[in-house]
Amino acid sequence: EKQADWGKAKDTQLLKTYATQLGMNTSQFGNCLDSKKYQSKVDADLSEGQNFGISGTPDVFVNSQFQNGAIDYPTLKKMIDDELAK
């Protein structure tokens, strides 16, 4: 629910504040975040998404069907059923 806030953040401080609010081990969280251990994986996922024309989340692919934005269960079920019927 706070993605609009942290998605535009210029640094990691807001995420660290959320960790504190959630009662997480802030030292461990901060060290993990600051290490950028997974940065290359995040960058690769971002690049792959951009190659598919994805500009944000949530987006859903079911084989060749693409749905931008959140979808409800009946819509998702229909997408899956349509693909299974092929």
PDB file of N, CA and C in Angstrom:
ATOM      1  N   GLU A   1       0.814  -1.199   0.000  1.00  0.00           N
ATOM      2  CA  GLU A   1       0.000   0.000   0.000  1.00  0.00           C
ATOM      3  C   GLU A   1       0.852   1.256   0.000  1.00  0.00           C
ATOM      4  N   LYS A   2       2.131   1.123   0.256  1.00  0.00           N
ATOM      5  CA  LYS A   2       3.014   2.295   0.295  1.00  0.00           C
ATOM      6  C   LYS A   2       3.970   2.329  -0.893  1.00  0.00           C
ATOM      7  N   GLN A   3       3.677   1.523  -1.909  1.00  0.00           N
ATOM      8  CA  GLN A   3       4.577   1.437  -3.055  1.00  0.00           C
ATOM      9  C   GLN A   3       4.753   2.786  -3.741  1.00  0.00           C
ATOM     10  N   ALA A   4       3.702   3.585  -3.802  1.00  0.00           N
ATOM     11  CA  ALA A   4       3.817   4.897  -4.441  1.00  0.00           C
ATOM     12  C   ALA A   4       4.850   5.760  -3.721  1.00  0.00           C
ATOM     13  N   ASP A   5       4.977   5.564  -2.410  1.00  0.00           N
ATOM     14  CA  ASP A   5       5.955   6.332  -1.629  1.00  0.00           C
ATOM     15  C   ASP A   5       7.369   5.808  -1.835  1.00  0.00           C
ATOM     16  N   TRP A   6       7.582   4.498  -1.579  1.00  0.00           N
ATOM     17  CA  TRP A   6       8.949   3.995  -1.642  1.00  0.00           C
ATOM     18  C   TRP A   6       9.451   3.849  -3.068  1.00  0.00           C
ATOM     19  N   GLY A   7       8.532   3.737  -4.028  1.00  0.00           N
ATOM     20  CA  GLY A   7       8.950   3.630  -5.421  1.00  0.00           C
ATOM     21  C   GLY A   7       9.619   4.889  -5.939  1.00  0.00           C
ATOM     22  N   LYS A   8       9.320   6.014  -5.314  1.00  0.00           N
ATOM     23  CA  LYS A   8       9.896   7.292  -5.737  1.00  0.00           C
ATOM     24  C   LYS A   8      11.030   7.757  -4.827  1.00  0.00           C
ATOM     25  N   ALA A   9      11.323   6.990  -3.798  1.00  0.00           N
ATOM     26  CA  ALA A   9      12.359   7.387  -2.835  1.00  0.00           C
ATOM     27  C   ALA A   9      13.721   7.443  -3.516  1.00  0.00           C
ATOM     28  N   LYS A  10      14.507   8.415  -3.150  1.00  0.00           N
ATOM     29  CA  LYS A  10      15.836   8.596  -3.739  1.00  0.00           C
ATOM     30  C   LYS A  10      16.907   7.767  -3.041  1.00  0.00           C
ATOM     31  N   ASP A  11      16.620   7.304  -1.820  1.00  0.00           N
ATOM     32  CA  ASP A  11      17.591   6.493  -1.090  1.00  0.00           C
ATOM     33  C   ASP A  11      16.843   5.400  -0.321  1.00  0.00           C
ATOM     34  N   THR A  12      17.565   4.668   0.502  1.00  0.00           N
ATOM     35  CA  THR A  12      16.984   3.517   1.201  1.00  0.00           C
ATOM     36  C   THR A  12      16.409   3.858   2.571  1.00  0.00           C
ATOM     37  N   GLN A  13      16.513   5.092   2.996  1.00  0.00           N
ATOM     38  CA  GLN A  13      16.087   5.446   4.351  1.00  0.00           C
ATOM     39  C   GLN A  13      14.612   5.132   4.600  1.00  0.00           C
ATOM     40  N   LEU A  14      13.752   5.369   3.627  1.00  0.00           N
ATOM     41  CA  LEU A  14      12.329   5.101   3.818  1.00  0.00           C
ATOM     42  C   LEU A  14      12.081   3.612   4.069  1.00  0.00           C
ATOM     43  N   LEU A  15      12.777   2.751   3.334  1.00  0.00           N
ATOM     44  CA  LEU A  15      12.632   1.309   3.557  1.00  0.00           C
ATOM     45  C   LEU A  15      13.118   0.924   4.946  1.00  0.00           C
ATOM     46  N   LYS A  16      14.180   1.554   5.396  1.00  0.00           N
ATOM     47  CA  LYS A  16      14.694   1.282   6.743  1.00  0.00           C
ATOM     48  C   LYS A  16      13.698   1.750   7.800  1.00  0.00           C
ATOM     49  N   THR A  17      13.016   2.846   7.539  1.00  0.00           N
ATOM     50  CA  THR A  17      11.975   3.324   8.452  1.00  0.00           C
ATOM     51  C   THR A  17      10.834   2.317   8.520  1.00  0.00           C
ATOM     52  N   TYR A  18      10.429   1.791   7.377  1.00  0.00           N
ATOM     53  CA  TYR A  18       9.380   0.762   7.363  1.00  0.00           C
ATOM     54  C   TYR A  18       9.819  -0.462   8.161  1.00  0.00           C
ATOM     55  N   ALA A  19      11.072  -0.868   8.005  1.00  0.00           N
ATOM     56  CA  ALA A  19      11.584  -2.027   8.744  1.00  0.00           C
ATOM     57  C   ALA A  19      11.468  -1.796  10.241  1.00  0.00           C
ATOM     58  N   THR A  20      11.792  -0.600  10.679  1.00  0.00           N
ATOM     59  CA  THR A  20      11.666  -0.254  12.101  1.00  0.00           C
ATOM     60  C   THR A  20      10.211  -0.339  12.538  1.00  0.00           C
ATOM     61  N   GLN A  21       9.313   0.232  11.744  1.00  0.00           N
ATOM     62  CA  GLN A  21       7.888   0.221  12.072  1.00  0.00           C
ATOM     63  C   GLN A  21       7.327  -1.197  12.148  1.00  0.00           C
ATOM     64  N   LEU A  22       7.887  -2.098  11.355  1.00  0.00           N
ATOM     65  CA  LEU A  22       7.420  -3.487  11.328  1.00  0.00           C
ATOM     66  C   LEU A  22       8.074  -4.355  12.397  1.00  0.00           C
ATOM     67  N   GLY A  23       9.010  -3.783  13.149  1.00  0.00           N
ATOM     68  CA  GLY A  23       9.670  -4.532  14.211  1.00  0.00           C
ATOM     69  C   GLY A  23      10.742  -5.481  13.713  1.00  0.00           C
ATOM     70  N   MET A  24      11.250  -5.233  12.528  1.00  0.00           N
ATOM     71  CA  MET A  24      12.296  -6.087  11.977  1.00  0.00           C
ATOM     72  C   MET A  24      13.626  -5.794  12.661  1.00  0.00           C
ATOM     73  N   ASN A  25      14.569  -6.702  12.493  1.00  0.00           N
ATOM     74  CA  ASN A  25      15.932  -6.475  12.957  1.00  0.00           C
ATOM     75  C   ASN A  25      16.531  -5.427  12.021  1.00  0.00           C
ATOM     76  N   THR A  26      16.525  -4.182  12.468  1.00  0.00           N
ATOM     77  CA  THR A  26      16.914  -3.088  11.581  1.00  0.00           C
ATOM     78  C   THR A  26      18.394  -3.109  11.212  1.00  0.00           C
ATOM     79  N   SER A  27      19.223  -3.608  12.093  1.00  0.00           N
ATOM     80  CA  SER A  27      20.643  -3.702  11.779  1.00  0.00           C
ATOM     81  C   SER A  27      20.864  -4.699  10.647  1.00  0.00           C
ATOM     82  N   GLN A  28      20.256  -5.864  10.776  1.00  0.00           N
ATOM     83  CA  GLN A  28      20.390  -6.895   9.751  1.00  0.00           C
ATOM     84  C   GLN A  28      19.773  -6.419   8.431  1.00  0.00           C
ATOM     85  N   PHE A  29      18.589  -5.811   8.508  1.00  0.00           N
ATOM     86  CA  PHE A  29      17.924  -5.313   7.309  1.00  0.00           C
ATOM     87  C   PHE A  29      18.780  -4.249   6.620  1.00  0.00           C
ATOM     88  N   GLY A  30      19.268  -3.286   7.399  1.00  0.00           N
ATOM     89  CA  GLY A  30      20.083  -2.211   6.837  1.00  0.00           C
ATOM     90  C   GLY A  30      21.357  -2.725   6.197  1.00  0.00           C
ATOM     91  N   ASN A  31      22.022  -3.663   6.866  1.00  0.00           N
ATOM     92  CA  ASN A  31      23.249  -4.237   6.307  1.00  0.00           C
ATOM     93  C   ASN A  31      22.975  -4.954   4.993  1.00  0.00           C
ATOM     94  N   CYS A  32      21.885  -5.703   4.958  1.00  0.00           N
ATOM     95  CA  CYS A  32      21.516  -6.435   3.741  1.00  0.00           C
ATOM     96  C   CYS A  32      21.222  -5.453   2.605  1.00  0.00           C
ATOM     97  N   LEU A  33      20.430  -4.443   2.916  1.00  0.00           N
ATOM     98  CA  LEU A  33      20.058  -3.454   1.906  1.00  0.00           C
ATOM     99  C   LEU A  33      21.283  -2.680   1.413  1.00  0.00           C
ATOM    100  N   ASP A  34      22.121  -2.250   2.321  1.00  0.00           N
ATOM    101  CA  ASP A  34      23.300  -1.454   1.959  1.00  0.00           C
ATOM    102  C   ASP A  34      24.353  -2.260   1.196  1.00  0.00           C
ATOM    103  N   SER A  35      24.364  -3.572   1.385  1.00  0.00           N
ATOM    104  CA  SER A  35      25.368  -4.400   0.711  1.00  0.00           C
ATOM    105  C   SER A  35      25.131  -4.487  -0.794  1.00  0.00           C
ATOM    106  N   LYS A  36      23.896  -4.233  -1.220  1.00  0.00           N
ATOM    107  CA  LYS A  36      23.524  -4.327  -2.638  1.00  0.00           C
ATOM    108  C   LYS A  36      23.838  -5.708  -3.211  1.00  0.00           C
ATOM    109  N   LYS A  37      23.779  -6.714  -2.347  1.00  0.00           N
ATOM    110  CA  LYS A  37      24.088  -8.092  -2.736  1.00  0.00           C
ATOM    111  C   LYS A  37      23.250  -8.562  -3.922  1.00  0.00           C
ATOM    112  N   TYR A  38      22.002  -8.143  -3.971  1.00  0.00           N
ATOM    113  CA  TYR A  38      21.092  -8.611  -5.017  1.00  0.00           C
ATOM    114  C   TYR A  38      20.835  -7.561  -6.095  1.00  0.00           C
ATOM    115  N   GLN A  39      21.599  -6.483  -6.100  1.00  0.00           N
ATOM    116  CA  GLN A  39      21.366  -5.388  -7.041  1.00  0.00           C
ATOM    117  C   GLN A  39      21.417  -5.849  -8.493  1.00  0.00           C
ATOM    118  N   SER A  40      22.367  -6.711  -8.824  1.00  0.00           N
ATOM    119  CA  SER A  40      22.483  -7.157 -10.219  1.00  0.00           C
ATOM    120  C   SER A  40      21.260  -7.969 -10.631  1.00  0.00           C
ATOM    121  N   LYS A  41      20.695  -8.749  -9.711  1.00  0.00           N
ATOM    122  CA  LYS A  41      19.487  -9.520 -10.025  1.00  0.00           C
ATOM    123  C   LYS A  41      18.286  -8.598 -10.204  1.00  0.00           C
ATOM    124  N   VAL A  42      18.183  -7.591  -9.351  1.00  0.00           N
ATOM    125  CA  VAL A  42      17.097  -6.617  -9.472  1.00  0.00           C
ATOM    126  C   VAL A  42      17.213  -5.879 -10.802  1.00  0.00           C
ATOM    127  N   ASP A  43      18.415  -5.454 -11.146  1.00  0.00           N
ATOM    128  CA  ASP A  43      18.632  -4.742 -12.405  1.00  0.00           C
ATOM    129  C   ASP A  43      18.287  -5.624 -13.606  1.00  0.00           C
ATOM    130  N   ALA A  44      18.652  -6.900 -13.547  1.00  0.00           N
ATOM    131  CA  ALA A  44      18.345  -7.822 -14.642  1.00  0.00           C
ATOM    132  C   ALA A  44      16.838  -8.013 -14.785  1.00  0.00           C
ATOM    133  N   ASP A  45      16.135  -8.157 -13.664  1.00  0.00           N
ATOM    134  CA  ASP A  45      14.676  -8.297 -13.714  1.00  0.00           C
ATOM    135  C   ASP A  45      14.019  -7.038 -14.266  1.00  0.00           C
ATOM    136  N   LEU A  46      14.509  -5.886 -13.858  1.00  0.00           N
ATOM    137  CA  LEU A  46      13.982  -4.618 -14.350  1.00  0.00           C
ATOM    138  C   LEU A  46      14.171  -4.512 -15.859  1.00  0.00           C
ATOM    139  N   SER A  47      15.356  -4.850 -16.325  1.00  0.00           N
ATOM    140  CA  SER A  47      15.651  -4.797 -17.751  1.00  0.00           C
ATOM    141  C   SER A  47      14.764  -5.763 -18.534  1.00  0.00           C
ATOM    142  N   GLU A  48      14.594  -6.961 -18.021  1.00  0.00           N
ATOM    143  CA  GLU A  48      13.749  -7.948 -18.696  1.00  0.00           C
ATOM    144  C   GLU A  48      12.308  -7.457 -18.777  1.00  0.00           C
ATOM    145  N   GLY A  49      11.808  -6.904 -17.693  1.00  0.00           N
ATOM    146  CA  GLY A  49      10.452  -6.369 -17.695  1.00  0.00           C
ATOM    147  C   GLY A  49      10.289  -5.260 -18.716  1.00  0.00           C
ATOM    148  N   GLN A  50      11.261  -4.372 -18.791  1.00  0.00           N
ATOM    149  CA  GLN A  50      11.201  -3.276 -19.759  1.00  0.00           C
ATOM    150  C   GLN A  50      11.224  -3.809 -21.186  1.00  0.00           C
ATOM    151  N   ASN A  51      11.965  -4.884 -21.424  1.00  0.00           N
ATOM    152  CA  ASN A  51      11.998  -5.498 -22.753  1.00  0.00           C
ATOM    153  C   ASN A  51      10.634  -6.040 -23.164  1.00  0.00           C
ATOM    154  N   PHE A  52       9.814  -6.418 -22.189  1.00  0.00           N
ATOM    155  CA  PHE A  52       8.467  -6.914 -22.459  1.00  0.00           C
ATOM    156  C   PHE A  52       7.422  -5.798 -22.429  1.00  0.00           C
ATOM    157  N   GLY A  53       7.859  -4.573 -22.232  1.00  0.00           N
ATOM    158  CA  GLY A  53       6.927  -3.454 -22.215  1.00  0.00           C
ATOM    159  C   GLY A  53       6.228  -3.240 -20.893  1.00  0.00           C
ATOM    160  N   ILE A  54       6.759  -3.831 -19.842  1.00  0.00           N
ATOM    161  CA  ILE A  54       6.161  -3.684 -18.519  1.00  0.00           C
ATOM    162  C   ILE A  54       6.716  -2.419 -17.876  1.00  0.00           C
ATOM    163  N   SER A  55       5.806  -1.577 -17.426  1.00  0.00           N
ATOM    164  CA  SER A  55       6.248  -0.320 -16.829  1.00  0.00           C
ATOM    165  C   SER A  55       6.000  -0.262 -15.331  1.00  0.00           C
ATOM    166  N   GLY A  56       5.379  -1.286 -14.780  1.00  0.00           N
ATOM    167  CA  GLY A  56       5.109  -1.299 -13.348  1.00  0.00           C
ATOM    168  C   GLY A  56       4.439  -2.591 -12.943  1.00  0.00           C
ATOM    169  N   THR A  57       4.055  -2.645 -11.704  1.00  0.00           N
ATOM    170  CA  THR A  57       3.382  -3.832 -11.198  1.00  0.00           C
ATOM    171  C   THR A  57       2.039  -3.434 -10.614  1.00  0.00           C
ATOM    172  N   PRO A  58       1.096  -4.344 -10.557  1.00  0.00           N
ATOM    173  CA  PRO A  58       1.184  -5.714 -11.060  1.00  0.00           C
ATOM    174  C   PRO A  58       0.839  -5.788 -12.545  1.00  0.00           C
ATOM    175  N   ASP A  59       1.461  -6.686 -13.241  1.00  0.00           N
ATOM    176  CA  ASP A  59       1.128  -7.067 -14.608  1.00  0.00           C
ATOM    177  C   ASP A  59       1.107  -8.584 -14.646  1.00  0.00           C
ATOM    178  N   VAL A  60       0.247  -9.134 -15.485  1.00  0.00           N
ATOM    179  CA  VAL A  60       0.084 -10.588 -15.524  1.00  0.00           C
ATOM    180  C   VAL A  60       0.221 -11.081 -16.962  1.00  0.00           C
ATOM    181  N   PHE A  61       1.020 -12.120 -17.137  1.00  0.00           N
ATOM    182  CA  PHE A  61       1.111 -12.835 -18.405  1.00  0.00           C
ATOM    183  C   PHE A  61       0.582 -14.245 -18.197  1.00  0.00           C
ATOM    184  N   VAL A  62      -0.274 -14.691 -19.085  1.00  0.00           N
ATOM    185  CA  VAL A  62      -0.673 -16.093 -19.154  1.00  0.00           C
ATOM    186  C   VAL A  62      -0.455 -16.477 -20.615  1.00  0.00           C
ATOM    187  N   ASN A  63       0.659 -17.164 -20.854  1.00  0.00           N
ATOM    188  CA  ASN A  63       1.124 -17.438 -22.215  1.00  0.00           C
ATOM    189  C   ASN A  63       1.174 -16.135 -22.995  1.00  0.00           C
ATOM    190  N   SER A  64       0.411 -16.013 -24.067  1.00  0.00           N
ATOM    191  CA  SER A  64       0.491 -14.807 -24.895  1.00  0.00           C
ATOM    192  C   SER A  64      -0.455 -13.700 -24.445  1.00  0.00           C
ATOM    193  N   GLN A  65      -1.302 -13.986 -23.473  1.00  0.00           N
ATOM    194  CA  GLN A  65      -2.235 -12.966 -22.989  1.00  0.00           C
ATOM    195  C   GLN A  65      -1.547 -12.085 -21.949  1.00  0.00           C
ATOM    196  N   PHE A  66      -1.758 -10.789 -22.091  1.00  0.00           N
ATOM    197  CA  PHE A  66      -1.152  -9.825 -21.176  1.00  0.00           C
ATOM    198  C   PHE A  66      -2.246  -8.966 -20.566  1.00  0.00           C
ATOM    199  N   GLN A  67      -2.165  -8.782 -19.263  1.00  0.00           N
ATOM    200  CA  GLN A  67      -3.108  -7.909 -18.564  1.00  0.00           C
ATOM    201  C   GLN A  67      -2.311  -6.913 -17.743  1.00  0.00           C
ATOM    202  N   ASN A  68      -2.487  -5.644 -18.042  1.00  0.00           N
ATOM    203  CA  ASN A  68      -1.807  -4.589 -17.300  1.00  0.00           C
ATOM    204  C   ASN A  68      -2.620  -4.241 -16.074  1.00  0.00           C
ATOM    205  N   GLY A  69      -1.975  -4.249 -14.931  1.00  0.00           N
ATOM    206  CA  GLY A  69      -2.650  -3.878 -13.688  1.00  0.00           C
ATOM    207  C   GLY A  69      -3.238  -5.073 -12.973  1.00  0.00           C
ATOM    208  N   ALA A  70      -3.790  -4.788 -11.816  1.00  0.00           N
ATOM    209  CA  ALA A  70      -4.388  -5.843 -10.993  1.00  0.00           C
ATOM    210  C   ALA A  70      -5.627  -6.403 -11.681  1.00  0.00           C
ATOM    211  N   ILE A  71      -5.815  -7.700 -11.535  1.00  0.00           N
ATOM    212  CA  ILE A  71      -7.012  -8.334 -12.091  1.00  0.00           C
ATOM    213  C   ILE A  71      -7.678  -9.168 -11.013  1.00  0.00           C
ATOM    214  N   ASP A  72      -8.966  -9.343 -11.169  1.00  0.00           N
ATOM    215  CA  ASP A  72      -9.706 -10.141 -10.199  1.00  0.00           C
ATOM    216  C   ASP A  72      -9.629 -11.621 -10.576  1.00  0.00           C
ATOM    217  N   TYR A  73     -10.055 -12.461  -9.647  1.00  0.00           N
ATOM    218  CA  TYR A  73      -9.970 -13.905  -9.855  1.00  0.00           C
ATOM    219  C   TYR A  73     -10.740 -14.369 -11.090  1.00  0.00           C
ATOM    220  N   PRO A  74     -11.991 -13.932 -11.301  1.00  0.00           N
ATOM    221  CA  PRO A  74     -12.711 -14.408 -12.492  1.00  0.00           C
ATOM    222  C   PRO A  74     -11.982 -14.083 -13.805  1.00  0.00           C
ATOM    223  N   THR A  75     -11.371 -12.922 -13.877  1.00  0.00           N
ATOM    224  CA  THR A  75     -10.632 -12.548 -15.087  1.00  0.00           C
ATOM    225  C   THR A  75      -9.403 -13.432 -15.263  1.00  0.00           C
ATOM    226  N   LEU A  76      -8.668 -13.655 -14.187  1.00  0.00           N
ATOM    227  CA  LEU A  76      -7.493 -14.524 -14.249  1.00  0.00           C
ATOM    228  C   LEU A  76      -7.895 -15.945 -14.618  1.00  0.00           C
ATOM    229  N   LYS A  77      -8.954 -16.440 -14.020  1.00  0.00           N
ATOM    230  CA  LYS A  77      -9.435 -17.797 -14.319  1.00  0.00           C
ATOM    231  C   LYS A  77      -9.798 -17.925 -15.791  1.00  0.00           C
ATOM    232  N   LYS A  78     -10.474 -16.922 -16.336  1.00  0.00           N
ATOM    233  CA  LYS A  78     -10.846 -16.955 -17.750  1.00  0.00           C
ATOM    234  C   LYS A  78      -9.606 -16.964 -18.633  1.00  0.00           C
ATOM    235  N   MET A  79      -8.616 -16.156 -18.289  1.00  0.00           N
ATOM    236  CA  MET A  79      -7.376 -16.143 -19.069  1.00  0.00           C
ATOM    237  C   MET A  79      -6.742 -17.530 -19.088  1.00  0.00           C
ATOM    238  N   ILE A  80      -6.678 -18.160 -17.936  1.00  0.00           N
ATOM    239  CA  ILE A  80      -6.076 -19.493 -17.835  1.00  0.00           C
ATOM    240  C   ILE A  80      -6.914 -20.517 -18.583  1.00  0.00           C
ATOM    241  N   ASP A  81      -8.220 -20.486 -18.372  1.00  0.00           N
ATOM    242  CA  ASP A  81      -9.108 -21.431 -19.058  1.00  0.00           C
ATOM    243  C   ASP A  81      -9.021 -21.277 -20.574  1.00  0.00           C
ATOM    244  N   ASP A  82      -8.962 -20.037 -21.054  1.00  0.00           N
ATOM    245  CA  ASP A  82      -8.841 -19.800 -22.494  1.00  0.00           C
ATOM    246  C   ASP A  82      -7.561 -20.411 -23.045  1.00  0.00           C
ATOM    247  N   GLU A  83      -6.472 -20.281 -22.308  1.00  0.00           N
ATOM    248  CA  GLU A  83      -5.205 -20.849 -22.764  1.00  0.00           C
ATOM    249  C   GLU A  83      -5.229 -22.374 -22.714  1.00  0.00           C
ATOM    250  N   LEU A  84      -5.842 -22.922 -21.688  1.00  0.00           N
ATOM    251  CA  LEU A  84      -5.917 -24.382 -21.576  1.00  0.00           C
ATOM    252  C   LEU A  84      -6.790 -24.992 -22.664  1.00  0.00           C
ATOM    253  N   ALA A  85      -7.751 -24.226 -23.159  1.00  0.00           N
ATOM    254  CA  ALA A  85      -8.664 -24.728 -24.187  1.00  0.00           C
ATOM    255  C   ALA A  85      -8.020 -24.760 -25.572  1.00  0.00           C
ATOM    256  N   LYS A  86      -6.895 -24.108 -25.732  1.00  0.00           N
ATOM    257  CA  LYS A  86      -6.236 -24.059 -27.052  1.00  0.00           C
ATOM    258  C   LYS A  86      -5.590 -25.386 -27.389  1.00  0.00           C
TER     259      LYS A  86
END
